[in-house]
């Protein structure tokens, strides 16, 4: 089972690569960041949902965490 950091890294990599062949940053560099940094990156990527098409929004919904 993946730990929290591995899950965040996977999600960030998918968010960054969306609509592209590969991500805009080398995902191995993200491994050196702390959990709080990764959560911040993920939150910023999810903020972009407001400027995307409806189909893009639906795809991104899978990454939101509901509490």
PDB file of N, CA and C in Angstrom:
ATOM      1  N   UNK A   1       0.845  -1.182   0.000  1.00  0.00           N
ATOM      2  CA  UNK A   1       0.000   0.000   0.000  1.00  0.00           C
ATOM      3  C   UNK A   1       0.893   1.248   0.000  1.00  0.00           C
ATOM      4  N   UNK A   2       0.490   2.236  -0.766  1.00  0.00           N
ATOM      5  CA  UNK A   2       1.276   3.460  -0.886  1.00  0.00           C
ATOM      6  C   UNK A   2       1.081   4.333   0.349  1.00  0.00           C
ATOM      7  N   UNK A   3       2.151   5.035   0.715  1.00  0.00           N
ATOM      8  CA  UNK A   3       2.031   5.986   1.813  1.00  0.00           C
ATOM      9  C   UNK A   3       1.509   7.314   1.278  1.00  0.00           C
ATOM     10  N   UNK A   4       1.241   8.242   2.176  1.00  0.00           N
ATOM     11  CA  UNK A   4       0.634   9.526   1.802  1.00  0.00           C
ATOM     12  C   UNK A   4       1.477  10.281   0.775  1.00  0.00           C
ATOM     13  N   UNK A   5       2.771  10.271   0.950  1.00  0.00           N
ATOM     14  CA  UNK A   5       3.649  11.006   0.035  1.00  0.00           C
ATOM     15  C   UNK A   5       3.610  10.394  -1.360  1.00  0.00           C
ATOM     16  N   UNK A   6       3.627   9.084  -1.456  1.00  0.00           N
ATOM     17  CA  UNK A   6       3.573   8.425  -2.760  1.00  0.00           C
ATOM     18  C   UNK A   6       2.259   8.717  -3.473  1.00  0.00           C
ATOM     19  N   UNK A   7       1.166   8.731  -2.722  1.00  0.00           N
ATOM     20  CA  UNK A   7      -0.141   9.040  -3.309  1.00  0.00           C
ATOM     21  C   UNK A   7      -0.146  10.469  -3.837  1.00  0.00           C
ATOM     22  N   UNK A   8       0.346  11.416  -3.028  1.00  0.00           N
ATOM     23  CA  UNK A   8       0.413  12.812  -3.466  1.00  0.00           C
ATOM     24  C   UNK A   8       1.294  12.970  -4.696  1.00  0.00           C
ATOM     25  N   UNK A   9       2.432  12.300  -4.718  1.00  0.00           N
ATOM     26  CA  UNK A   9       3.323  12.380  -5.877  1.00  0.00           C
ATOM     27  C   UNK A   9       2.633  11.872  -7.139  1.00  0.00           C
ATOM     28  N   UNK A  10       1.913  10.773  -7.018  1.00  0.00           N
ATOM     29  CA  UNK A  10       1.179  10.230  -8.167  1.00  0.00           C
ATOM     30  C   UNK A  10       0.121  11.216  -8.651  1.00  0.00           C
ATOM     31  N   UNK A  11      -0.625  11.796  -7.719  1.00  0.00           N
ATOM     32  CA  UNK A  11      -1.682  12.730  -8.086  1.00  0.00           C
ATOM     33  C   UNK A  11      -1.121  13.992  -8.725  1.00  0.00           C
ATOM     34  N   UNK A  12      -0.055  14.520  -8.164  1.00  0.00           N
ATOM     35  CA  UNK A  12       0.572  15.726  -8.724  1.00  0.00           C
ATOM     36  C   UNK A  12       1.116  15.442 -10.115  1.00  0.00           C
ATOM     37  N   UNK A  13       1.743  14.302 -10.270  1.00  0.00           N
ATOM     38  CA  UNK A  13       2.281  13.948 -11.590  1.00  0.00           C
ATOM     39  C   UNK A  13       1.163  13.883 -12.624  1.00  0.00           C
ATOM     40  N   UNK A  14       0.026  13.289 -12.276  1.00  0.00           N
ATOM     41  CA  UNK A  14      -1.112  13.206 -13.197  1.00  0.00           C
ATOM     42  C   UNK A  14      -1.671  14.585 -13.498  1.00  0.00           C
ATOM     43  N   UNK A  15      -1.795  15.426 -12.479  1.00  0.00           N
ATOM     44  CA  UNK A  15      -2.314  16.776 -12.677  1.00  0.00           C
ATOM     45  C   UNK A  15      -1.396  17.597 -13.572  1.00  0.00           C
ATOM     46  N   UNK A  16      -0.109  17.468 -13.364  1.00  0.00           N
ATOM     47  CA  UNK A  16       0.844  18.243 -14.158  1.00  0.00           C
ATOM     48  C   UNK A  16       0.911  17.751 -15.596  1.00  0.00           C
ATOM     49  N   UNK A  17       0.707  16.485 -15.810  1.00  0.00           N
ATOM     50  CA  UNK A  17       0.816  15.919 -17.153  1.00  0.00           C
ATOM     51  C   UNK A  17      -0.482  16.000 -17.928  1.00  0.00           C
ATOM     52  N   UNK A  18      -1.557  16.420 -17.302  1.00  0.00           N
ATOM     53  CA  UNK A  18      -2.861  16.438 -17.965  1.00  0.00           C
ATOM     54  C   UNK A  18      -2.803  17.237 -19.262  1.00  0.00           C
ATOM     55  N   UNK A  19      -3.175  16.602 -20.346  1.00  0.00           N
ATOM     56  CA  UNK A  19      -3.202  17.258 -21.650  1.00  0.00           C
ATOM     57  C   UNK A  19      -1.848  17.354 -22.327  1.00  0.00           C
ATOM     58  N   UNK A  20      -0.846  16.719 -21.754  1.00  0.00           N
ATOM     59  CA  UNK A  20       0.497  16.754 -22.328  1.00  0.00           C
ATOM     60  C   UNK A  20       1.034  15.333 -22.414  1.00  0.00           C
ATOM     61  N   UNK A  21       2.091  15.177 -23.155  1.00  0.00           N
ATOM     62  CA  UNK A  21       2.743  13.875 -23.254  1.00  0.00           C
ATOM     63  C   UNK A  21       3.452  13.512 -21.953  1.00  0.00           C
ATOM     64  N   UNK A  22       4.092  14.502 -21.336  1.00  0.00           N
ATOM     65  CA  UNK A  22       4.783  14.266 -20.077  1.00  0.00           C
ATOM     66  C   UNK A  22       4.609  15.484 -19.177  1.00  0.00           C
ATOM     67  N   UNK A  23       4.977  15.349 -17.915  1.00  0.00           N
ATOM     68  CA  UNK A  23       4.764  16.447 -16.978  1.00  0.00           C
ATOM     69  C   UNK A  23       5.725  17.590 -17.253  1.00  0.00           C
ATOM     70  N   UNK A  24       5.427  18.753 -16.685  1.00  0.00           N
ATOM     71  CA  UNK A  24       6.234  19.943 -16.920  1.00  0.00           C
ATOM     72  C   UNK A  24       7.434  20.014 -15.991  1.00  0.00           C
ATOM     73  N   UNK A  25       7.481  19.150 -15.002  1.00  0.00           N
ATOM     74  CA  UNK A  25       8.607  19.085 -14.076  1.00  0.00           C
ATOM     75  C   UNK A  25       8.931  17.621 -13.836  1.00  0.00           C
ATOM     76  N   UNK A  26      10.172  17.350 -13.625  1.00  0.00           N
ATOM     77  CA  UNK A  26      10.582  15.982 -13.366  1.00  0.00           C
ATOM     78  C   UNK A  26       9.988  15.520 -12.025  1.00  0.00           C
ATOM     79  N   UNK A  27       9.101  14.529 -12.036  1.00  0.00           N
ATOM     80  CA  UNK A  27       8.448  14.080 -10.803  1.00  0.00           C
ATOM     81  C   UNK A  27       9.422  13.602  -9.729  1.00  0.00           C
ATOM     82  N   UNK A  28      10.603  13.168 -10.125  1.00  0.00           N
ATOM     83  CA  UNK A  28      11.565  12.718  -9.117  1.00  0.00           C
ATOM     84  C   UNK A  28      12.041  13.875  -8.241  1.00  0.00           C
ATOM     85  N   UNK A  29      11.993  15.093  -8.769  1.00  0.00           N
ATOM     86  CA  UNK A  29      12.353  16.257  -7.963  1.00  0.00           C
ATOM     87  C   UNK A  29      11.339  16.496  -6.847  1.00  0.00           C
ATOM     88  N   UNK A  30      10.081  16.153  -7.098  1.00  0.00           N
ATOM     89  CA  UNK A  30       9.033  16.349  -6.097  1.00  0.00           C
ATOM     90  C   UNK A  30       9.225  15.452  -4.881  1.00  0.00           C
ATOM     91  N   UNK A  31       9.933  14.353  -5.050  1.00  0.00           N
ATOM     92  CA  UNK A  31      10.143  13.412  -3.952  1.00  0.00           C
ATOM     93  C   UNK A  31      10.899  14.040  -2.788  1.00  0.00           C
ATOM     94  N   UNK A  32      11.636  15.097  -3.041  1.00  0.00           N
ATOM     95  CA  UNK A  32      12.433  15.741  -1.998  1.00  0.00           C
ATOM     96  C   UNK A  32      11.634  16.764  -1.193  1.00  0.00           C
ATOM     97  N   UNK A  33      10.404  17.029  -1.598  1.00  0.00           N
ATOM     98  CA  UNK A  33       9.567  17.997  -0.894  1.00  0.00           C
ATOM     99  C   UNK A  33       8.852  17.337   0.284  1.00  0.00           C
ATOM    100  N   UNK A  34       8.486  18.162   1.240  1.00  0.00           N
ATOM    101  CA  UNK A  34       7.728  17.695   2.395  1.00  0.00           C
ATOM    102  C   UNK A  34       6.253  17.537   2.020  1.00  0.00           C
ATOM    103  N   UNK A  35       5.518  16.799   2.853  1.00  0.00           N
ATOM    104  CA  UNK A  35       4.093  16.573   2.626  1.00  0.00           C
ATOM    105  C   UNK A  35       3.350  17.899   2.506  1.00  0.00           C
ATOM    106  N   UNK A  36       3.663  18.858   3.364  1.00  0.00           N
ATOM    107  CA  UNK A  36       2.977  20.160   3.318  1.00  0.00           C
ATOM    108  C   UNK A  36       3.224  20.868   1.991  1.00  0.00           C
ATOM    109  N   UNK A  37       4.442  20.765   1.478  1.00  0.00           N
ATOM    110  CA  UNK A  37       4.764  21.364   0.175  1.00  0.00           C
ATOM    111  C   UNK A  37       3.965  20.686  -0.938  1.00  0.00           C
ATOM    112  N   UNK A  38       3.892  19.366  -0.879  1.00  0.00           N
ATOM    113  CA  UNK A  38       3.149  18.614  -1.899  1.00  0.00           C
ATOM    114  C   UNK A  38       1.665  18.934  -1.848  1.00  0.00           C
ATOM    115  N   UNK A  39       1.112  19.058  -0.639  1.00  0.00           N
ATOM    116  CA  UNK A  39      -0.296  19.437  -0.511  1.00  0.00           C
ATOM    117  C   UNK A  39      -0.546  20.819  -1.090  1.00  0.00           C
ATOM    118  N   UNK A  40       0.389  21.730  -0.892  1.00  0.00           N
ATOM    119  CA  UNK A  40       0.270  23.081  -1.433  1.00  0.00           C
ATOM    120  C   UNK A  40       0.306  23.062  -2.967  1.00  0.00           C
ATOM    121  N   UNK A  41       1.215  22.297  -3.531  1.00  0.00           N
ATOM    122  CA  UNK A  41       1.306  22.165  -4.993  1.00  0.00           C
ATOM    123  C   UNK A  41       0.015  21.595  -5.554  1.00  0.00           C
ATOM    124  N   UNK A  42      -0.490  20.551  -4.921  1.00  0.00           N
ATOM    125  CA  UNK A  42      -1.730  19.925  -5.379  1.00  0.00           C
ATOM    126  C   UNK A  42      -2.886  20.924  -5.314  1.00  0.00           C
ATOM    127  N   UNK A  43      -2.964  21.677  -4.223  1.00  0.00           N
ATOM    128  CA  UNK A  43      -4.041  22.667  -4.068  1.00  0.00           C
ATOM    129  C   UNK A  43      -3.975  23.728  -5.163  1.00  0.00           C
ATOM    130  N   UNK A  44      -2.773  24.196  -5.484  1.00  0.00           N
ATOM    131  CA  UNK A  44      -2.617  25.202  -6.544  1.00  0.00           C
ATOM    132  C   UNK A  44      -3.041  24.644  -7.902  1.00  0.00           C
ATOM    133  N   UNK A  45      -2.696  23.404  -8.159  1.00  0.00           N
ATOM    134  CA  UNK A  45      -3.101  22.786  -9.427  1.00  0.00           C
ATOM    135  C   UNK A  45      -4.615  22.639  -9.493  1.00  0.00           C
ATOM    136  N   UNK A  46      -5.227  22.287  -8.381  1.00  0.00           N
ATOM    137  CA  UNK A  46      -6.681  22.128  -8.359  1.00  0.00           C
ATOM    138  C   UNK A  46      -7.405  23.462  -8.465  1.00  0.00           C
ATOM    139  N   UNK A  47      -6.768  24.564  -8.045  1.00  0.00           N
ATOM    140  CA  UNK A  47      -7.374  25.897  -8.162  1.00  0.00           C
ATOM    141  C   UNK A  47      -7.643  26.261  -9.618  1.00  0.00           C
ATOM    142  N   UNK A  48      -6.891  25.685 -10.507  1.00  0.00           N
ATOM    143  CA  UNK A  48      -7.048  25.986 -11.933  1.00  0.00           C
ATOM    144  C   UNK A  48      -8.336  25.410 -12.517  1.00  0.00           C
ATOM    145  N   UNK A  49      -9.038  24.625 -11.744  1.00  0.00           N
ATOM    146  CA  UNK A  49     -10.268  24.002 -12.219  1.00  0.00           C
ATOM    147  C   UNK A  49     -11.249  25.053 -12.731  1.00  0.00           C
ATOM    148  N   UNK A  50     -11.278  26.218 -12.122  1.00  0.00           N
ATOM    149  CA  UNK A  50     -12.220  27.263 -12.515  1.00  0.00           C
ATOM    150  C   UNK A  50     -12.045  27.760 -13.933  1.00  0.00           C
ATOM    151  N   UNK A  51     -10.882  27.551 -14.539  1.00  0.00           N
ATOM    152  CA  UNK A  51     -10.630  28.055 -15.887  1.00  0.00           C
ATOM    153  C   UNK A  51     -10.670  26.946 -16.943  1.00  0.00           C
ATOM    154  N   UNK A  52     -11.112  25.761 -16.541  1.00  0.00           N
ATOM    155  CA  UNK A  52     -11.114  24.617 -17.447  1.00  0.00           C
ATOM    156  C   UNK A  52     -12.515  24.322 -17.977  1.00  0.00           C
ATOM    157  N   UNK A  53     -12.561  23.540 -19.015  1.00  0.00           N
ATOM    158  CA  UNK A  53     -13.839  23.120 -19.576  1.00  0.00           C
ATOM    159  C   UNK A  53     -14.534  22.156 -18.621  1.00  0.00           C
ATOM    160  N   UNK A  54     -15.810  21.901 -18.863  1.00  0.00           N
ATOM    161  CA  UNK A  54     -16.572  20.999 -17.997  1.00  0.00           C
ATOM    162  C   UNK A  54     -15.966  19.598 -17.980  1.00  0.00           C
ATOM    163  N   UNK A  55     -15.531  19.087 -19.116  1.00  0.00           N
ATOM    164  CA  UNK A  55     -14.936  17.742 -19.141  1.00  0.00           C
ATOM    165  C   UNK A  55     -13.627  17.709 -18.356  1.00  0.00           C
ATOM    166  N   UNK A  56     -12.851  18.800 -18.429  1.00  0.00           N
ATOM    167  CA  UNK A  56     -11.631  18.880 -17.639  1.00  0.00           C
ATOM    168  C   UNK A  56     -11.949  18.897 -16.146  1.00  0.00           C
ATOM    169  N   UNK A  57     -12.979  19.646 -15.780  1.00  0.00           N
ATOM    170  CA  UNK A  57     -13.389  19.723 -14.376  1.00  0.00           C
ATOM    171  C   UNK A  57     -13.795  18.349 -13.860  1.00  0.00           C
ATOM    172  N   UNK A  58     -14.534  17.622 -14.671  1.00  0.00           N
ATOM    173  CA  UNK A  58     -14.970  16.286 -14.265  1.00  0.00           C
ATOM    174  C   UNK A  58     -13.769  15.377 -14.058  1.00  0.00           C
ATOM    175  N   UNK A  59     -12.778  15.470 -14.927  1.00  0.00           N
ATOM    176  CA  UNK A  59     -11.578  14.645 -14.782  1.00  0.00           C
ATOM    177  C   UNK A  59     -10.837  14.999 -13.492  1.00  0.00           C
ATOM    178  N   UNK A  60     -10.737  16.287 -13.185  1.00  0.00           N
ATOM    179  CA  UNK A  60     -10.003  16.720 -12.003  1.00  0.00           C
ATOM    180  C   UNK A  60     -10.717  16.394 -10.695  1.00  0.00           C
ATOM    181  N   UNK A  61     -12.027  16.215 -10.730  1.00  0.00           N
ATOM    182  CA  UNK A  61     -12.776  15.891  -9.511  1.00  0.00           C
ATOM    183  C   UNK A  61     -12.238  14.677  -8.803  1.00  0.00           C
ATOM    184  N   UNK A  62     -11.642  13.756  -9.524  1.00  0.00           N
ATOM    185  CA  UNK A  62     -11.123  12.543  -8.901  1.00  0.00           C
ATOM    186  C   UNK A  62      -9.997  12.814  -7.915  1.00  0.00           C
ATOM    187  N   UNK A  63      -9.386  13.982  -7.983  1.00  0.00           N
ATOM    188  CA  UNK A  63      -8.279  14.312  -7.103  1.00  0.00           C
ATOM    189  C   UNK A  63      -8.686  15.088  -5.859  1.00  0.00           C
ATOM    190  N   UNK A  64      -9.931  15.550  -5.809  1.00  0.00           N
ATOM    191  CA  UNK A  64     -10.401  16.296  -4.647  1.00  0.00           C
ATOM    192  C   UNK A  64     -10.662  15.342  -3.493  1.00  0.00           C
ATOM    193  N   UNK A  65     -10.365  15.832  -2.312  1.00  0.00           N
ATOM    194  CA  UNK A  65     -10.643  15.049  -1.104  1.00  0.00           C
ATOM    195  C   UNK A  65     -11.816  15.703  -0.395  1.00  0.00           C
ATOM    196  N   UNK A  66     -12.811  14.940  -0.095  1.00  0.00           N
ATOM    197  CA  UNK A  66     -13.982  15.449   0.607  1.00  0.00           C
ATOM    198  C   UNK A  66     -13.900  15.021   2.056  1.00  0.00           C
ATOM    199  N   UNK A  67     -14.097  15.967   2.946  1.00  0.00           N
ATOM    200  CA  UNK A  67     -14.008  15.674   4.386  1.00  0.00           C
ATOM    201  C   UNK A  67     -15.381  15.698   5.025  1.00  0.00           C
TER     202      UNK A  67
END
